[in-house]
Amino acid sequence: MGRWIALIAALVAAFVLARASEQTPAPAAVDAPPGEFSAGRAMDDVRIIAKVPHPVGSPANAAVRDHVLARMRALGLETQVQRADAFNRRAFGDDVYVGGGIVENVIGVLPGQDRSAPALAIMAHYDSVPGSPGAADDAAGVASALEIARALKTKGQPARDVILLITDGEEAGLLGAEAFFGQHPLAKRIGFLINMEARGNGGRAQMFQTGPDNGGTLELFRKTAVRPTSSSLAVFLYENMPNDTDFTVSRKAGVAGLNYAFIGRQFDYHMPTATPANLDQGSLQDLGGQTLAAAREAAFAPALPAKAPDLTYSNTAGSHILAYHPAVGWAVLALSTVLSAIGA
């Protein structure tokens, strides 16, 4: 009987811990301290950006472009719009598909103390699919980027330039990212990049992909993680799925970085129900809070994370990240196999 009680108690404790780890934080109000991320403040932009569906090339998307540009100027950023022809080539088995279009990326630069230092980029896309207003995908990311830039300014001038890269045409095949990293001179100045995405209208924000040679990147992530939900297993699974974000393009260009998204309430993904009213503001708070912590560290640090051999990692409890060389994992697996054999 005692064993059954212990088993039930362990299962209940595991359920409570798992449930707690999946709860989104309470959204901060509009009067939150200036240096903190506020979902309440970011929602003002979400409501404007996601008022109606705004696919690439539409008049509604042009209105969103103008809003984002005006917000960047109000924040004191150096602004520009990159208008470019962009193409994307994808292979599905023996078939090859080419898509293209005219995109207008909105770029804002918060000047750093050393204008020649490798820059930090914060990326999200402002277009939606034709049938959805895209409150989560990706108005949440765009609004978070603007709120993060505002919060960074409260700490003073960063050590390096911070580039807000708000791309166009992501839903049409990563076209804006292809245009920026293939054609814009600022692309070669980026030393670290943080991307924000969503595949649903709620849920915890997950850091689900890193750039190549992620040892240094993970040290920054470990230092700044706020109740993280991430593991190298999730990264492995994602990279073996036929899914892409703009981060695919920056990663292919060799840029180190972190890719964040929330993936709950998936029935709202790319649907008319992805409205500001249905967006979980706790998810927005989680996405912005986690990203701000990483961005603040990268913006004000004397140097960006250096590339180093990939690490295996996972979150354990609270904000702790356990990271180690893959050889350590193989050694533990070998030892457990030997002990299991001895026990048998």
Protein backbone atom coordinates (compact mmCIF):
# COMPACT_ATOMS: atom_id res chain seq x y z
CA MET A 1 0.00 0.00 0.00
CA GLY A 2 2.85 2.38 0.86
CA ARG A 3 4.34 1.93 -2.62
CA TRP A 4 1.00 2.81 -4.27
CA ILE A 5 0.67 5.93 -2.14
CA ALA A 6 4.22 6.97 -3.05
CA LEU A 7 3.53 6.35 -6.75
CA ILE A 8 0.30 8.37 -6.70
CA ALA A 9 1.99 11.19 -4.78
CA ALA A 10 4.84 11.26 -7.32
CA LEU A 11 2.40 11.36 -10.25
CA VAL A 12 0.38 14.17 -8.66
CA ALA A 13 3.56 16.15 -7.96
CA ALA A 14 4.74 15.62 -11.55
CA PHE A 15 1.36 16.79 -12.89
CA VAL A 16 1.41 19.92 -10.70
CA LEU A 17 4.97 20.80 -11.76
CA ALA A 18 4.19 20.20 -15.43
CA ARG A 19 1.02 22.26 -15.20
CA ALA A 20 2.85 25.12 -13.48
CA SER A 21 5.61 25.11 -16.10
CA GLU A 22 3.03 25.54 -18.89
CA GLN A 23 1.23 28.50 -17.33
CA THR A 24 1.86 31.80 -19.08
CA PRO A 25 2.85 34.79 -16.93
CA ALA A 26 0.36 37.49 -16.07
CA PRO A 27 0.51 40.27 -18.69
CA ALA A 28 2.15 43.44 -17.42
CA ALA A 29 -0.07 46.52 -17.51
CA VAL A 30 0.52 49.68 -19.53
CA ASP A 31 1.93 51.40 -16.43
CA ALA A 32 4.59 48.72 -15.81
CA PRO A 33 8.11 50.05 -15.04
CA PRO A 34 9.70 51.53 -18.19
CA GLY A 35 12.57 49.05 -18.28
CA GLU A 36 10.26 46.03 -18.31
CA PHE A 37 8.35 44.44 -21.16
CA SER A 38 4.63 45.19 -21.03
CA ALA A 39 2.09 43.12 -22.95
CA GLY A 40 -0.39 45.90 -22.18
CA ARG A 41 1.72 48.42 -24.08
CA ALA A 42 2.48 45.96 -26.91
CA MET A 43 -1.23 45.20 -27.38
CA ASP A 44 -1.78 48.76 -28.63
CA ASP A 45 0.30 47.85 -31.68
CA VAL A 46 -1.19 44.36 -32.02
CA ARG A 47 -4.68 45.83 -32.28
CA ILE A 48 -3.63 48.14 -35.12
CA ILE A 49 -1.48 45.62 -37.01
CA ALA A 50 -4.01 42.77 -36.77
CA LYS A 51 -7.14 44.79 -37.45
CA VAL A 52 -7.75 42.94 -40.73
CA PRO A 53 -5.91 40.35 -42.86
CA HIS A 54 -2.90 41.98 -44.55
CA PRO A 55 -1.10 39.69 -46.99
CA VAL A 56 1.96 40.85 -48.90
CA GLY A 57 1.17 43.40 -51.60
CA SER A 58 -2.24 44.37 -50.23
CA PRO A 59 -3.36 47.91 -49.30
CA ALA A 60 -3.91 46.67 -45.73
CA ASN A 61 -0.30 45.52 -45.58
CA ALA A 62 0.86 48.92 -46.79
CA ALA A 63 -1.08 50.50 -43.91
CA VAL A 64 0.69 48.19 -41.45
CA ARG A 65 4.03 49.11 -43.03
CA ASP A 66 3.29 52.80 -42.49
CA HIS A 67 2.27 52.20 -38.87
CA VAL A 68 5.45 50.26 -38.09
CA LEU A 69 7.56 52.93 -39.77
CA ALA A 70 5.85 55.70 -37.80
CA ARG A 71 6.34 53.80 -34.52
CA MET A 72 10.04 53.34 -35.25
CA ARG A 73 10.44 57.05 -35.94
CA ALA A 74 8.61 57.90 -32.72
CA LEU A 75 11.14 55.71 -30.88
CA GLY A 76 13.98 57.75 -32.41
CA LEU A 77 15.30 54.97 -34.65
CA GLU A 78 17.08 55.52 -37.94
CA THR A 79 14.49 54.18 -40.41
CA GLN A 80 14.33 52.96 -43.97
CA VAL A 81 12.17 50.75 -46.18
CA GLN A 82 13.87 48.17 -48.36
CA ARG A 83 11.76 47.66 -51.49
CA ALA A 84 13.03 44.69 -53.46
CA ASP A 85 12.14 41.85 -55.80
CA ALA A 86 12.56 38.56 -53.97
CA PHE A 87 12.39 34.91 -54.96
CA ASN A 88 12.33 31.62 -53.11
CA ARG A 89 13.08 28.20 -54.54
CA ARG A 90 11.84 25.05 -52.81
CA ALA A 91 12.14 21.40 -53.73
CA PHE A 92 9.48 18.84 -52.79
CA GLY A 93 10.71 15.46 -53.96
CA ASP A 94 11.38 15.75 -57.68
CA ASP A 95 9.33 18.92 -58.02
CA VAL A 96 10.81 22.41 -57.72
CA TYR A 97 8.63 25.43 -56.95
CA VAL A 98 9.71 29.05 -57.36
CA GLY A 99 7.77 31.89 -55.77
CA GLY A 100 8.42 35.59 -55.80
CA GLY A 101 7.10 39.06 -55.28
CA ILE A 102 7.84 42.65 -54.39
CA VAL A 103 8.47 43.10 -50.67
CA GLU A 104 8.95 46.13 -48.43
CA ASN A 105 11.02 45.40 -45.34
CA VAL A 106 10.84 48.01 -42.57
CA ILE A 107 14.20 48.58 -40.89
CA GLY A 108 14.97 50.65 -37.82
CA VAL A 109 18.37 51.11 -36.20
CA LEU A 110 18.98 52.09 -32.57
CA PRO A 111 22.54 53.49 -32.74
CA GLY A 112 25.13 51.94 -30.46
CA GLN A 113 28.28 53.37 -28.93
CA ASP A 114 30.45 51.50 -31.46
CA ARG A 115 28.81 51.78 -34.88
CA SER A 116 31.41 49.44 -36.37
CA ALA A 117 30.78 46.58 -33.92
CA PRO A 118 28.75 43.56 -35.04
CA ALA A 119 25.10 44.47 -34.59
CA LEU A 120 22.20 42.77 -32.84
CA ALA A 121 19.09 42.21 -34.98
CA ILE A 122 15.57 41.64 -33.67
CA MET A 123 13.39 40.16 -36.40
CA ALA A 124 9.68 39.54 -36.96
CA HIS A 125 7.41 39.72 -40.02
CA TYR A 126 4.47 42.06 -40.49
CA ASP A 127 2.48 40.35 -43.28
CA SER A 128 -0.28 37.83 -42.59
CA VAL A 129 -1.87 35.07 -44.64
CA PRO A 130 -4.85 36.22 -46.76
CA GLY A 131 -7.56 34.79 -44.48
CA SER A 132 -6.25 35.76 -41.06
CA PRO A 133 -5.57 39.05 -39.26
CA GLY A 134 -2.46 37.40 -37.77
CA ALA A 135 -2.61 38.71 -34.20
CA ALA A 136 -0.13 36.05 -33.13
CA ASP A 137 1.56 35.34 -36.47
CA ASP A 138 3.19 37.75 -36.43
CA ALA A 139 1.70 40.95 -35.04
CA ALA A 140 2.79 39.68 -31.61
CA GLY A 141 6.39 39.50 -32.81
CA VAL A 142 6.33 42.95 -34.43
CA ALA A 143 4.71 44.57 -31.39
CA SER A 144 7.23 42.82 -29.13
CA ALA A 145 10.14 44.13 -31.21
CA LEU A 146 8.86 47.70 -30.86
CA GLU A 147 8.30 47.32 -27.11
CA ILE A 148 11.76 45.76 -26.70
CA ALA A 149 13.39 48.69 -28.51
CA ARG A 150 11.56 51.09 -26.19
CA ALA A 151 12.69 49.14 -23.11
CA LEU A 152 16.31 48.97 -24.31
CA LYS A 153 16.44 52.75 -24.68
CA THR A 154 15.64 53.19 -20.98
CA LYS A 155 19.02 51.64 -20.11
CA GLY A 156 20.96 54.13 -22.20
CA GLN A 157 22.93 53.74 -25.41
CA PRO A 158 23.74 50.09 -26.18
CA ALA A 159 27.27 48.93 -26.90
CA ARG A 160 26.37 48.14 -30.51
CA ASP A 161 23.70 48.97 -33.06
CA VAL A 162 20.36 47.25 -32.51
CA ILE A 163 18.55 46.63 -35.80
CA LEU A 164 14.80 46.08 -35.86
CA LEU A 165 14.24 43.99 -38.98
CA ILE A 166 10.51 43.78 -39.70
CA THR A 167 10.23 41.67 -42.81
CA ASP A 168 7.54 41.45 -45.45
CA GLY A 169 6.38 38.40 -47.41
CA GLU A 170 7.29 35.74 -44.84
CA GLU A 171 4.00 33.95 -45.41
CA ALA A 172 4.62 33.94 -49.17
CA GLY A 173 7.91 32.06 -48.80
CA LEU A 174 10.32 34.01 -46.56
CA LEU A 175 10.62 36.59 -49.32
CA GLY A 176 11.50 39.58 -47.13
CA ALA A 177 14.24 37.70 -45.32
CA GLU A 178 15.62 36.45 -48.65
CA ALA A 179 15.71 40.02 -49.94
CA PHE A 180 17.39 41.40 -46.83
CA PHE A 181 20.09 38.76 -46.39
CA GLY A 182 20.69 38.50 -50.11
CA GLN A 183 20.70 42.19 -51.04
CA HIS A 184 20.94 44.62 -48.11
CA PRO A 185 24.38 45.85 -46.93
CA LEU A 186 23.25 45.84 -43.28
CA ALA A 187 22.96 42.05 -43.41
CA LYS A 188 26.73 41.63 -43.28
CA ARG A 189 26.90 43.73 -40.10
CA ILE A 190 24.66 41.44 -38.05
CA GLY A 191 26.53 39.36 -35.50
CA PHE A 192 23.56 37.99 -33.55
CA LEU A 193 19.85 37.73 -34.32
CA ILE A 194 16.69 37.04 -32.33
CA ASN A 195 13.56 36.03 -34.24
CA MET A 196 9.98 35.94 -32.93
CA GLU A 197 7.19 33.82 -34.39
CA ALA A 198 3.95 32.05 -33.46
CA ARG A 199 2.06 28.96 -34.57
CA GLY A 200 -1.16 29.42 -32.63
CA ASN A 201 -2.80 32.07 -30.50
CA GLY A 202 -1.44 31.11 -27.07
CA GLY A 203 0.87 28.93 -24.98
CA ARG A 204 4.31 29.37 -23.45
CA ALA A 205 7.01 30.91 -25.61
CA GLN A 206 9.63 28.35 -26.58
CA MET A 207 13.18 28.87 -27.78
CA PHE A 208 13.11 26.16 -30.43
CA GLN A 209 16.08 26.83 -32.72
CA THR A 210 19.61 28.20 -32.53
CA GLY A 211 22.13 29.21 -35.13
CA PRO A 212 25.12 27.04 -36.10
CA ASP A 213 27.90 26.32 -33.55
CA ASN A 214 25.62 27.24 -30.66
CA GLY A 215 27.98 26.83 -27.68
CA GLY A 216 28.39 30.57 -27.13
CA THR A 217 24.75 31.27 -27.93
CA LEU A 218 23.62 28.82 -25.27
CA GLU A 219 25.81 30.49 -22.67
CA LEU A 220 23.91 33.73 -23.33
CA PHE A 221 20.62 31.82 -23.23
CA ARG A 222 21.53 30.16 -19.92
CA LYS A 223 22.45 33.53 -18.45
CA THR A 224 19.26 35.31 -19.46
CA ALA A 225 16.58 32.59 -19.62
CA VAL A 226 13.32 33.43 -17.82
CA ARG A 227 11.38 30.24 -17.00
CA PRO A 228 12.51 28.81 -20.35
CA THR A 229 10.84 26.04 -22.31
CA SER A 230 13.55 24.63 -24.53
CA SER A 231 15.72 21.61 -25.23
CA SER A 232 18.10 20.41 -27.91
CA LEU A 233 15.63 17.58 -28.63
CA ALA A 234 13.02 20.18 -29.66
CA VAL A 235 15.62 21.82 -31.91
CA PHE A 236 16.50 18.46 -33.48
CA LEU A 237 12.85 17.62 -34.12
CA TYR A 238 12.09 21.04 -35.61
CA GLU A 239 15.07 20.94 -37.94
CA ASN A 240 13.86 17.61 -39.31
CA MET A 241 10.38 18.96 -40.06
CA PRO A 242 9.35 20.73 -43.31
CA ASN A 243 8.73 24.01 -41.48
CA ASP A 244 10.50 27.32 -41.93
CA THR A 245 10.61 30.80 -40.45
CA ASP A 246 12.66 33.83 -41.45
CA PHE A 247 15.30 32.43 -39.09
CA THR A 248 15.93 29.72 -41.69
CA VAL A 249 17.35 32.39 -43.99
CA SER A 250 19.55 34.08 -41.37
CA ARG A 251 20.78 30.69 -40.15
CA LYS A 252 21.69 29.70 -43.69
CA ALA A 253 23.67 32.96 -43.89
CA GLY A 254 25.71 31.82 -40.87
CA VAL A 255 24.25 34.28 -38.35
CA ALA A 256 24.16 33.10 -34.73
CA GLY A 257 20.97 33.60 -32.81
CA LEU A 258 17.82 32.41 -31.07
CA ASN A 259 14.39 31.63 -32.51
CA TYR A 260 11.34 31.99 -30.23
CA ALA A 261 7.66 31.13 -30.75
CA PHE A 262 4.53 30.11 -28.91
CA ILE A 263 2.50 27.24 -30.35
CA GLY A 264 -0.65 26.83 -28.22
CA ARG A 265 -4.27 27.25 -29.38
CA GLN A 266 -3.34 25.85 -32.78
CA PHE A 267 -6.90 25.90 -34.09
CA ASP A 268 -6.43 29.66 -34.45
CA TYR A 269 -3.28 29.28 -36.57
CA HIS A 270 -3.75 31.05 -39.93
CA MET A 271 -7.48 31.31 -39.23
CA PRO A 272 -9.95 34.23 -39.08
CA THR A 273 -10.10 33.67 -35.31
CA ALA A 274 -6.47 34.84 -34.85
CA THR A 275 -7.69 38.23 -33.65
CA PRO A 276 -6.30 40.57 -30.98
CA ALA A 277 -9.30 39.77 -28.78
CA ASN A 278 -8.47 36.04 -28.91
CA LEU A 279 -4.71 36.45 -28.39
CA ASP A 280 -3.47 35.17 -25.02
CA GLN A 281 -1.77 38.24 -23.59
CA GLY A 282 0.17 36.00 -21.22
CA SER A 283 1.80 34.43 -24.29
CA LEU A 284 2.70 37.88 -25.58
CA GLN A 285 4.19 38.72 -22.18
CA ASP A 286 6.18 35.48 -22.17
CA LEU A 287 7.50 36.01 -25.71
CA GLY A 288 8.48 39.63 -25.10
CA GLY A 289 9.88 39.07 -21.61
CA GLN A 290 12.12 36.20 -22.65
CA THR A 291 13.29 37.97 -25.79
CA LEU A 292 13.96 41.26 -24.00
CA ALA A 293 16.22 39.49 -21.49
CA ALA A 294 18.33 37.97 -24.26
CA ALA A 295 18.32 41.17 -26.33
CA ARG A 296 19.39 43.34 -23.40
CA GLU A 297 22.36 41.07 -22.69
CA ALA A 298 23.44 40.98 -26.34
CA ALA A 299 22.94 44.74 -26.88
CA PHE A 300 24.97 45.92 -23.88
CA ALA A 301 27.61 43.17 -23.58
CA PRO A 302 31.20 44.06 -24.55
CA ALA A 303 31.14 41.25 -27.11
CA LEU A 304 28.55 39.05 -28.78
CA PRO A 305 28.60 35.27 -28.15
CA ALA A 306 31.43 33.54 -29.96
CA LYS A 307 30.75 30.49 -32.07
CA ALA A 308 31.63 27.28 -30.24
CA PRO A 309 30.85 23.56 -30.67
CA ASP A 310 27.17 22.67 -30.29
CA LEU A 311 25.92 21.75 -26.82
CA THR A 312 23.16 19.39 -25.72
CA TYR A 313 20.80 21.16 -23.34
CA SER A 314 17.40 21.28 -21.66
CA ASN A 315 15.65 23.31 -19.00
CA THR A 316 15.41 21.61 -15.60
CA ALA A 317 13.53 23.75 -13.06
CA GLY A 318 12.82 27.45 -12.77
CA SER A 319 15.23 29.36 -15.01
CA HIS A 320 18.03 26.78 -14.93
CA ILE A 321 19.43 25.38 -18.17
CA LEU A 322 21.51 22.21 -18.11
CA ALA A 323 23.98 22.22 -21.01
CA TYR A 324 26.85 19.86 -21.79
CA HIS A 325 28.97 18.50 -24.63
CA PRO A 326 27.27 15.66 -26.56
CA ALA A 327 30.14 13.33 -25.53
CA VAL A 328 28.98 13.64 -21.92
CA GLY A 329 25.54 12.45 -22.90
CA TRP A 330 26.95 9.43 -24.72
CA ALA A 331 29.10 8.62 -21.68
CA VAL A 332 26.06 8.73 -19.37
CA LEU A 333 24.10 6.55 -21.80
CA ALA A 334 26.93 4.01 -21.94
CA LEU A 335 27.22 3.96 -18.15
CA SER A 336 23.47 3.45 -17.72
CA THR A 337 23.58 0.58 -20.24
CA VAL A 338 26.39 -1.10 -18.30
CA LEU A 339 24.58 -0.65 -14.98
CA SER A 340 21.34 -1.99 -16.48
CA ALA A 341 23.21 -5.05 -17.74
CA ILE A 342 24.76 -5.62 -14.30
CA GLY A 343 21.36 -5.21 -12.67
CA ALA A 344 19.79 -7.71 -15.10
